[in-house]
Each structure stands twice: as C-alpha cells, then as structure tokens.
C-alpha cells in the first residue's frame, strides 16, 4: 500500500511531497542479529527487494534525483525487544528495490539521505514501511536540519 502526501504550505515553509510505501505484512525480514546462512540471506534480500520494486512500480512513485528515506519497522506482536536499527539489512534491500524501480538513480550518499530507523506499533507477522521524501523540493535551510554539517549535500 502506498500513500502520497503532496507539497503542502505551512506558513512560509513548503513541506515536500512524500510517499508511504508499505511492504506486504508478513514479508520475511532480515534482522542484523540473525545468524543465517548466506544463501538463505540472499533469498530473503531478493524477496524484500522484489517486494519494494513491485510496490514502487505499482504506486507510480516518480523518478527522484535525491530523497530522504526512513523506515518504520512494525515488529511482530510477539517480539519483546524492539531495536529498529536491527532491521537495517531489510531496509537496505528495500532501498535497492527503489533503485531497481527507477525511483532513485542510485542509493549512494549524493542521492540518498538515510535510511533512518523508526519503530512502529507491533502487528501480527511484522511489516516494513518506507517513507520517501523528495529532497529536491525542500528548502536548503530545512535540509540542513536533516543533514548535519560535514555530511554530503
């Protein structure tokens, strides 16, 4: 499921367009704490990458030159310890799917800010959601708040 929030004006601040791209619930995700065989990990990466590609193509997210991405992990409701950064391998695979879909030309530091982790409400089976914001439409002063000094602009 994907939703779009168009550019909105808040006083003198224009909030850029963003998209919510939710992978299907119960998609098997990769946790950095898992000790899995490299072939099994490659299979999981392929599934996540393909799911992100499919969702991005289906939602018709346009080609962006630069974007900020943060991911929200909705852990399984039986998981007690919830560290959102542990799901970075899943987010990386999903971002690669965005590149495959043509949403971004590359996921290097000149094109992508993030992906930054967040934790969401638990749901049965877990779910990964990407929030993608167009950085070409953001005021440079506000971009500076997202991107600390010394980081690529």
N, C-alpha and C. Protein backbone atom coordinates (compact mmCIF):
# COMPACT_ATOMS: atom_id res chain seq x y z
N UNK A 1 0.84 -1.17 0.00
CA UNK A 1 0.00 0.00 0.00
C UNK A 1 0.88 1.24 0.00
N UNK A 2 0.51 2.22 -0.80
CA UNK A 2 1.28 3.45 -0.87
C UNK A 2 0.33 4.63 -0.78
N UNK A 3 0.75 5.63 -0.03
CA UNK A 3 0.01 6.87 0.02
C UNK A 3 0.96 8.01 -0.27
N UNK A 4 0.43 9.07 -0.85
CA UNK A 4 1.24 10.23 -1.20
C UNK A 4 0.75 11.42 -0.42
N UNK A 5 1.70 12.18 0.13
CA UNK A 5 1.35 13.46 0.72
C UNK A 5 1.96 14.53 -0.17
N UNK A 6 1.12 15.32 -0.87
CA UNK A 6 1.63 16.31 -1.81
C UNK A 6 2.28 17.48 -1.07
N UNK A 7 3.00 18.30 -1.85
CA UNK A 7 3.59 19.51 -1.28
C UNK A 7 2.50 20.28 -0.55
N UNK A 8 2.78 20.69 0.67
CA UNK A 8 1.83 21.48 1.44
C UNK A 8 2.55 22.69 1.99
N UNK A 9 1.82 23.77 2.13
CA UNK A 9 2.38 25.02 2.62
C UNK A 9 2.01 25.18 4.09
N UNK A 10 3.00 25.43 4.93
CA UNK A 10 2.82 25.70 6.35
C UNK A 10 3.47 27.05 6.62
N UNK A 11 2.70 28.12 6.48
CA UNK A 11 3.28 29.46 6.60
C UNK A 11 4.23 29.67 5.44
N UNK A 12 5.49 29.96 5.73
CA UNK A 12 6.48 30.18 4.68
C UNK A 12 7.24 28.90 4.34
N UNK A 13 6.90 27.80 4.99
CA UNK A 13 7.59 26.53 4.79
C UNK A 13 6.77 25.64 3.86
N UNK A 14 7.43 25.14 2.83
CA UNK A 14 6.79 24.16 1.95
C UNK A 14 7.27 22.78 2.35
N UNK A 15 6.34 21.94 2.73
CA UNK A 15 6.69 20.55 3.04
C UNK A 15 6.69 19.78 1.72
N UNK A 16 7.80 19.13 1.39
CA UNK A 16 7.88 18.43 0.10
C UNK A 16 7.02 17.18 0.06
N UNK A 17 6.78 16.73 -1.16
CA UNK A 17 5.99 15.53 -1.37
C UNK A 17 6.70 14.33 -0.76
N UNK A 18 5.91 13.46 -0.15
CA UNK A 18 6.46 12.21 0.38
C UNK A 18 5.51 11.07 0.07
N UNK A 19 6.06 9.89 0.09
CA UNK A 19 5.29 8.68 -0.20
C UNK A 19 5.50 7.67 0.90
N UNK A 20 4.45 6.97 1.25
CA UNK A 20 4.50 5.86 2.21
C UNK A 20 4.40 4.57 1.41
N UNK A 21 5.44 3.77 1.47
CA UNK A 21 5.48 2.52 0.73
C UNK A 21 5.56 1.38 1.73
N UNK A 22 4.48 0.64 1.84
CA UNK A 22 4.40 -0.46 2.81
C UNK A 22 4.59 -1.79 2.09
N UNK A 23 5.57 -2.55 2.53
CA UNK A 23 5.72 -3.90 2.02
C UNK A 23 4.58 -4.76 2.57
N UNK A 24 4.24 -5.82 1.90
CA UNK A 24 3.14 -6.66 2.39
C UNK A 24 3.43 -7.17 3.81
N UNK A 25 2.41 -7.15 4.67
CA UNK A 25 2.61 -7.73 6.01
C UNK A 25 3.06 -9.17 5.89
N UNK A 26 3.81 -9.60 6.86
CA UNK A 26 4.34 -10.97 6.95
C UNK A 26 5.44 -11.27 5.94
N UNK A 27 5.95 -10.23 5.23
CA UNK A 27 7.14 -10.44 4.40
C UNK A 27 8.27 -10.80 5.35
N UNK A 28 8.99 -11.87 5.07
CA UNK A 28 10.10 -12.27 5.93
C UNK A 28 11.19 -11.21 5.86
N UNK A 29 11.54 -10.65 7.02
CA UNK A 29 12.53 -9.60 7.10
C UNK A 29 13.84 -10.13 7.67
N UNK A 30 14.91 -9.38 7.43
CA UNK A 30 16.23 -9.75 7.91
C UNK A 30 16.59 -8.87 9.09
N UNK A 31 16.99 -9.49 10.16
CA UNK A 31 17.41 -8.79 11.36
C UNK A 31 18.92 -8.97 11.49
N UNK A 32 19.63 -7.89 11.82
CA UNK A 32 21.09 -7.95 11.92
C UNK A 32 21.56 -8.95 12.97
N UNK A 33 20.72 -9.30 13.91
CA UNK A 33 21.10 -10.24 14.96
C UNK A 33 20.92 -11.70 14.54
N UNK A 34 20.32 -11.94 13.39
CA UNK A 34 20.11 -13.31 12.93
C UNK A 34 21.43 -13.90 12.45
N UNK A 35 21.60 -15.16 12.71
CA UNK A 35 22.75 -15.89 12.20
C UNK A 35 22.22 -16.87 11.17
N UNK A 36 22.12 -16.39 9.91
CA UNK A 36 21.55 -17.23 8.87
C UNK A 36 22.60 -17.46 7.77
N UNK A 37 22.44 -18.57 7.11
CA UNK A 37 23.35 -18.95 6.02
C UNK A 37 23.27 -17.91 4.91
N UNK A 38 24.39 -17.64 4.25
CA UNK A 38 24.44 -16.58 3.25
C UNK A 38 23.48 -16.83 2.09
N UNK A 39 23.22 -18.09 1.74
CA UNK A 39 22.27 -18.36 0.66
C UNK A 39 20.84 -18.03 1.08
N UNK A 40 20.51 -18.37 2.33
CA UNK A 40 19.17 -18.04 2.84
C UNK A 40 19.00 -16.52 2.92
N UNK A 41 20.06 -15.83 3.36
CA UNK A 41 20.01 -14.37 3.44
C UNK A 41 19.81 -13.78 2.04
N UNK A 42 20.51 -14.32 1.05
CA UNK A 42 20.36 -13.83 -0.32
C UNK A 42 18.93 -14.02 -0.83
N UNK A 43 18.30 -15.13 -0.46
CA UNK A 43 16.91 -15.37 -0.84
C UNK A 43 15.99 -14.32 -0.22
N UNK A 44 16.21 -14.03 1.07
CA UNK A 44 15.38 -13.04 1.76
C UNK A 44 15.60 -11.64 1.17
N UNK A 45 16.84 -11.29 0.86
CA UNK A 45 17.13 -10.00 0.24
C UNK A 45 16.38 -9.88 -1.08
N UNK A 46 16.40 -10.95 -1.87
CA UNK A 46 15.72 -10.93 -3.16
C UNK A 46 14.22 -10.72 -3.00
N UNK A 47 13.61 -11.37 -2.03
CA UNK A 47 12.17 -11.22 -1.80
C UNK A 47 11.84 -9.78 -1.39
N UNK A 48 12.60 -9.23 -0.45
CA UNK A 48 12.35 -7.86 0.02
C UNK A 48 12.56 -6.87 -1.12
N UNK A 49 13.65 -7.04 -1.85
CA UNK A 49 13.98 -6.14 -2.96
C UNK A 49 12.88 -6.17 -4.02
N UNK A 50 12.42 -7.37 -4.36
CA UNK A 50 11.35 -7.51 -5.36
C UNK A 50 10.03 -6.93 -4.85
N UNK A 51 9.74 -7.10 -3.56
CA UNK A 51 8.51 -6.54 -3.00
C UNK A 51 8.55 -5.01 -3.07
N UNK A 52 9.68 -4.41 -2.73
CA UNK A 52 9.80 -2.95 -2.80
C UNK A 52 9.69 -2.47 -4.25
N UNK A 53 10.34 -3.19 -5.17
CA UNK A 53 10.25 -2.84 -6.59
C UNK A 53 8.79 -2.87 -7.05
N UNK A 54 8.10 -3.95 -6.72
CA UNK A 54 6.71 -4.12 -7.14
C UNK A 54 5.83 -3.01 -6.57
N UNK A 55 5.98 -2.73 -5.28
CA UNK A 55 5.16 -1.70 -4.64
C UNK A 55 5.46 -0.31 -5.22
N UNK A 56 6.73 -0.03 -5.49
CA UNK A 56 7.11 1.27 -6.05
C UNK A 56 6.55 1.43 -7.47
N UNK A 57 6.65 0.39 -8.28
CA UNK A 57 6.12 0.47 -9.65
C UNK A 57 4.60 0.59 -9.63
N UNK A 58 3.96 -0.17 -8.76
CA UNK A 58 2.50 -0.15 -8.67
C UNK A 58 1.99 1.22 -8.21
N UNK A 59 2.73 1.86 -7.31
CA UNK A 59 2.28 3.15 -6.75
C UNK A 59 2.67 4.34 -7.62
N UNK A 60 3.45 4.08 -8.66
CA UNK A 60 3.84 5.12 -9.62
C UNK A 60 4.58 6.28 -8.95
N UNK A 61 5.49 5.94 -8.03
CA UNK A 61 6.35 6.96 -7.45
C UNK A 61 7.25 7.46 -8.58
N UNK A 62 7.31 8.78 -8.79
CA UNK A 62 8.11 9.28 -9.90
C UNK A 62 9.60 9.14 -9.64
N UNK A 63 10.37 9.31 -10.69
CA UNK A 63 11.83 9.28 -10.56
C UNK A 63 12.26 10.53 -9.78
N UNK A 64 13.03 10.33 -8.75
CA UNK A 64 13.54 11.42 -7.92
C UNK A 64 15.05 11.48 -8.09
N UNK A 65 15.60 12.66 -7.96
CA UNK A 65 17.06 12.80 -8.03
C UNK A 65 17.70 12.60 -6.66
N UNK A 66 17.01 13.07 -5.61
CA UNK A 66 17.51 12.93 -4.24
C UNK A 66 16.32 12.70 -3.33
N UNK A 67 16.53 11.88 -2.31
CA UNK A 67 15.43 11.57 -1.40
C UNK A 67 15.95 11.30 0.01
N UNK A 68 15.08 11.53 0.96
CA UNK A 68 15.30 11.10 2.34
C UNK A 68 14.37 9.92 2.56
N UNK A 69 14.92 8.86 3.10
CA UNK A 69 14.12 7.67 3.39
C UNK A 69 14.29 7.32 4.86
N UNK A 70 13.17 7.14 5.52
CA UNK A 70 13.25 6.49 6.82
C UNK A 70 12.33 5.29 6.78
N UNK A 71 12.71 4.29 7.55
CA UNK A 71 11.89 3.08 7.56
C UNK A 71 11.30 2.89 8.95
N UNK A 72 10.08 2.40 8.93
CA UNK A 72 9.37 2.08 10.16
C UNK A 72 9.20 0.58 10.19
N UNK A 73 9.71 -0.03 11.23
CA UNK A 73 9.51 -1.46 11.41
C UNK A 73 8.36 -1.65 12.38
N UNK A 74 7.37 -2.38 11.93
CA UNK A 74 6.26 -2.78 12.79
C UNK A 74 6.55 -4.23 13.18
N UNK A 75 7.16 -4.43 14.35
CA UNK A 75 7.58 -5.79 14.71
C UNK A 75 6.39 -6.70 14.98
N UNK A 76 6.67 -7.97 14.91
CA UNK A 76 5.65 -8.95 15.26
C UNK A 76 5.22 -8.71 16.70
N UNK A 77 3.97 -8.94 16.96
CA UNK A 77 3.44 -8.66 18.29
C UNK A 77 3.99 -9.59 19.37
N UNK A 78 4.73 -10.63 18.98
CA UNK A 78 5.33 -11.49 20.00
C UNK A 78 6.76 -11.08 20.35
N UNK A 79 7.33 -10.14 19.55
CA UNK A 79 8.69 -9.68 19.79
C UNK A 79 8.69 -8.72 20.98
N UNK A 80 9.55 -8.98 21.95
CA UNK A 80 9.60 -8.14 23.15
C UNK A 80 10.67 -7.05 23.07
N UNK A 81 11.84 -7.39 22.53
CA UNK A 81 12.93 -6.43 22.41
C UNK A 81 12.85 -5.80 21.02
N UNK A 82 12.70 -4.48 21.00
CA UNK A 82 12.45 -3.81 19.73
C UNK A 82 13.49 -2.74 19.47
N UNK A 83 14.49 -3.08 18.70
CA UNK A 83 15.56 -2.17 18.31
C UNK A 83 15.43 -1.96 16.80
N UNK A 84 14.90 -0.81 16.36
CA UNK A 84 14.62 -0.65 14.93
C UNK A 84 15.85 -0.71 14.05
N UNK A 85 17.01 -0.33 14.56
CA UNK A 85 18.23 -0.39 13.75
C UNK A 85 18.62 -1.79 13.35
N UNK A 86 18.15 -2.79 14.09
CA UNK A 86 18.47 -4.17 13.76
C UNK A 86 17.91 -4.61 12.41
N UNK A 87 16.90 -3.89 11.93
CA UNK A 87 16.29 -4.26 10.65
C UNK A 87 16.89 -3.49 9.48
N UNK A 88 18.05 -2.86 9.67
CA UNK A 88 18.73 -2.14 8.59
C UNK A 88 18.99 -3.01 7.36
N UNK A 89 19.35 -4.30 7.51
CA UNK A 89 19.53 -5.12 6.30
C UNK A 89 18.26 -5.23 5.45
N UNK A 90 17.11 -5.26 6.10
CA UNK A 90 15.85 -5.29 5.35
C UNK A 90 15.60 -3.97 4.64
N UNK A 91 15.89 -2.86 5.33
CA UNK A 91 15.71 -1.54 4.73
C UNK A 91 16.65 -1.36 3.54
N UNK A 92 17.89 -1.83 3.66
CA UNK A 92 18.85 -1.74 2.56
C UNK A 92 18.33 -2.49 1.34
N UNK A 93 17.80 -3.68 1.54
CA UNK A 93 17.26 -4.45 0.43
C UNK A 93 16.07 -3.72 -0.21
N UNK A 94 15.22 -3.11 0.62
CA UNK A 94 14.06 -2.38 0.09
C UNK A 94 14.50 -1.15 -0.69
N UNK A 95 15.51 -0.43 -0.20
CA UNK A 95 16.02 0.74 -0.92
C UNK A 95 16.62 0.30 -2.26
N UNK A 96 17.31 -0.83 -2.29
CA UNK A 96 17.82 -1.35 -3.55
C UNK A 96 16.67 -1.61 -4.53
N UNK A 97 15.53 -2.05 -4.01
CA UNK A 97 14.35 -2.23 -4.85
C UNK A 97 13.84 -0.92 -5.41
N UNK A 98 13.97 0.18 -4.64
CA UNK A 98 13.58 1.50 -5.15
C UNK A 98 14.49 1.92 -6.30
N UNK A 99 15.78 1.62 -6.17
CA UNK A 99 16.72 1.93 -7.25
C UNK A 99 16.37 1.08 -8.49
N UNK A 100 16.09 -0.20 -8.29
CA UNK A 100 15.71 -1.07 -9.40
C UNK A 100 14.46 -0.55 -10.11
N UNK A 101 13.54 0.04 -9.34
CA UNK A 101 12.28 0.54 -9.91
C UNK A 101 12.44 1.91 -10.57
N UNK A 102 13.62 2.52 -10.46
CA UNK A 102 13.84 3.81 -11.08
C UNK A 102 13.40 4.99 -10.23
N UNK A 103 13.07 4.75 -8.97
CA UNK A 103 12.68 5.86 -8.08
C UNK A 103 13.91 6.72 -7.79
N UNK A 104 15.04 6.11 -7.59
CA UNK A 104 16.32 6.81 -7.39
C UNK A 104 17.33 6.29 -8.39
N UNK A 105 18.23 7.17 -8.89
CA UNK A 105 19.24 6.68 -9.82
C UNK A 105 20.30 5.82 -9.12
N UNK A 106 20.50 6.04 -7.81
CA UNK A 106 21.48 5.28 -7.05
C UNK A 106 21.15 5.48 -5.58
N UNK A 107 21.73 4.66 -4.72
CA UNK A 107 21.49 4.83 -3.29
C UNK A 107 22.76 5.27 -2.57
N UNK A 108 23.63 5.98 -3.30
CA UNK A 108 24.84 6.49 -2.65
C UNK A 108 24.51 7.77 -1.86
N UNK A 109 25.51 8.30 -1.18
CA UNK A 109 25.27 9.43 -0.27
C UNK A 109 24.95 10.73 -0.99
N UNK A 110 25.18 10.81 -2.29
CA UNK A 110 24.81 12.02 -3.01
C UNK A 110 23.35 12.02 -3.41
N UNK A 111 22.72 10.87 -3.37
CA UNK A 111 21.32 10.73 -3.80
C UNK A 111 20.36 10.40 -2.66
N UNK A 112 20.88 9.79 -1.60
CA UNK A 112 20.01 9.26 -0.56
C UNK A 112 20.46 9.73 0.82
N UNK A 113 19.53 10.23 1.57
CA UNK A 113 19.73 10.54 2.97
C UNK A 113 18.96 9.47 3.75
N UNK A 114 19.66 8.65 4.50
CA UNK A 114 19.03 7.55 5.22
C UNK A 114 19.51 6.23 4.64
N UNK A 115 18.79 5.17 4.86
CA UNK A 115 17.50 5.07 5.54
C UNK A 115 17.67 5.12 7.07
N UNK A 116 16.82 5.92 7.69
CA UNK A 116 16.83 6.11 9.13
C UNK A 116 15.78 5.22 9.78
N UNK A 117 16.11 4.55 10.88
CA UNK A 117 15.17 3.61 11.51
C UNK A 117 14.17 4.27 12.45
N UNK A 118 12.98 3.73 12.48
CA UNK A 118 11.94 4.10 13.43
C UNK A 118 11.22 2.81 13.86
N UNK A 119 10.57 2.87 14.99
CA UNK A 119 9.79 1.72 15.45
C UNK A 119 8.32 2.10 15.40
N UNK A 120 7.51 1.18 14.93
CA UNK A 120 6.07 1.40 14.87
C UNK A 120 5.35 0.44 15.80
N UNK A 121 4.05 0.51 15.75
CA UNK A 121 3.24 -0.38 16.57
C UNK A 121 3.40 -1.82 16.08
N UNK A 122 3.42 -2.77 17.01
CA UNK A 122 3.51 -4.17 16.61
C UNK A 122 2.28 -4.60 15.81
N UNK A 123 2.52 -5.46 14.83
CA UNK A 123 1.43 -6.09 14.09
C UNK A 123 1.77 -7.56 13.90
N UNK A 124 0.76 -8.37 13.72
CA UNK A 124 0.97 -9.80 13.55
C UNK A 124 1.78 -10.06 12.29
N UNK A 125 2.92 -10.72 12.46
CA UNK A 125 3.76 -11.07 11.32
C UNK A 125 4.81 -10.05 10.95
N UNK A 126 4.78 -8.86 11.46
CA UNK A 126 5.69 -7.74 11.21
C UNK A 126 5.50 -7.14 9.82
N UNK A 127 5.98 -5.92 9.67
CA UNK A 127 5.87 -5.21 8.39
C UNK A 127 6.93 -4.12 8.33
N UNK A 128 7.45 -3.88 7.14
CA UNK A 128 8.41 -2.82 6.88
C UNK A 128 7.72 -1.76 6.03
N UNK A 129 7.83 -0.50 6.47
CA UNK A 129 7.23 0.62 5.75
C UNK A 129 8.34 1.65 5.47
N UNK A 130 8.44 2.08 4.23
CA UNK A 130 9.39 3.12 3.86
C UNK A 130 8.65 4.44 3.67
N UNK A 131 9.21 5.51 4.20
CA UNK A 131 8.71 6.87 3.95
C UNK A 131 9.76 7.56 3.10
N UNK A 132 9.38 7.99 1.92
CA UNK A 132 10.29 8.56 0.93
C UNK A 132 9.91 10.02 0.72
N UNK A 133 10.86 10.93 0.91
CA UNK A 133 10.60 12.37 0.74
C UNK A 133 11.52 12.92 -0.34
N UNK A 134 10.94 13.68 -1.25
CA UNK A 134 11.67 14.31 -2.34
C UNK A 134 12.52 15.45 -1.79
N UNK A 135 13.84 15.31 -1.82
CA UNK A 135 14.73 16.35 -1.29
C UNK A 135 14.98 17.49 -2.26
N UNK A 136 14.65 17.34 -3.53
CA UNK A 136 14.84 18.43 -4.47
C UNK A 136 13.82 19.55 -4.25
N UNK A 137 12.78 19.26 -3.50
CA UNK A 137 11.73 20.26 -3.27
C UNK A 137 11.74 20.79 -1.84
N UNK A 138 12.82 20.57 -1.13
CA UNK A 138 12.90 21.01 0.25
C UNK A 138 13.79 22.25 0.33
N UNK A 139 13.42 23.17 1.18
CA UNK A 139 14.20 24.38 1.40
C UNK A 139 15.59 23.99 1.92
N UNK A 140 16.66 24.58 1.38
CA UNK A 140 18.01 24.21 1.82
C UNK A 140 18.24 24.38 3.32
N UNK A 141 17.59 25.36 3.93
CA UNK A 141 17.74 25.54 5.37
C UNK A 141 17.13 24.37 6.15
N UNK A 142 16.04 23.84 5.63
CA UNK A 142 15.41 22.70 6.29
C UNK A 142 16.17 21.41 6.02
N UNK A 143 16.78 21.32 4.84
CA UNK A 143 17.61 20.17 4.53
C UNK A 143 18.80 20.11 5.49
N UNK A 144 19.31 21.27 5.85
CA UNK A 144 20.44 21.32 6.78
C UNK A 144 20.07 20.72 8.13
N UNK A 145 18.80 20.79 8.51
CA UNK A 145 18.36 20.19 9.78
C UNK A 145 18.38 18.67 9.70
N UNK A 146 18.12 18.13 8.49
CA UNK A 146 18.14 16.68 8.32
C UNK A 146 19.54 16.13 8.12
N UNK A 147 20.42 16.95 7.55
CA UNK A 147 21.74 16.52 7.15
C UNK A 147 22.77 17.34 7.92
N UNK A 148 23.44 16.78 8.90
CA UNK A 148 24.35 17.56 9.76
C UNK A 148 25.54 18.12 8.99
N UNK A 149 26.18 19.17 9.55
CA UNK A 149 27.35 19.76 8.89
C UNK A 149 28.43 18.70 8.65
N UNK A 150 29.08 18.82 7.51
CA UNK A 150 30.13 17.87 7.15
C UNK A 150 29.61 16.69 6.35
N UNK A 151 28.31 16.49 6.34
CA UNK A 151 27.74 15.40 5.55
C UNK A 151 27.54 15.86 4.11
N UNK A 152 27.50 14.96 3.15
CA UNK A 152 27.31 15.36 1.74
C UNK A 152 25.99 16.09 1.55
N UNK A 153 25.98 17.07 0.71
CA UNK A 153 24.76 17.85 0.44
C UNK A 153 24.16 17.47 -0.87
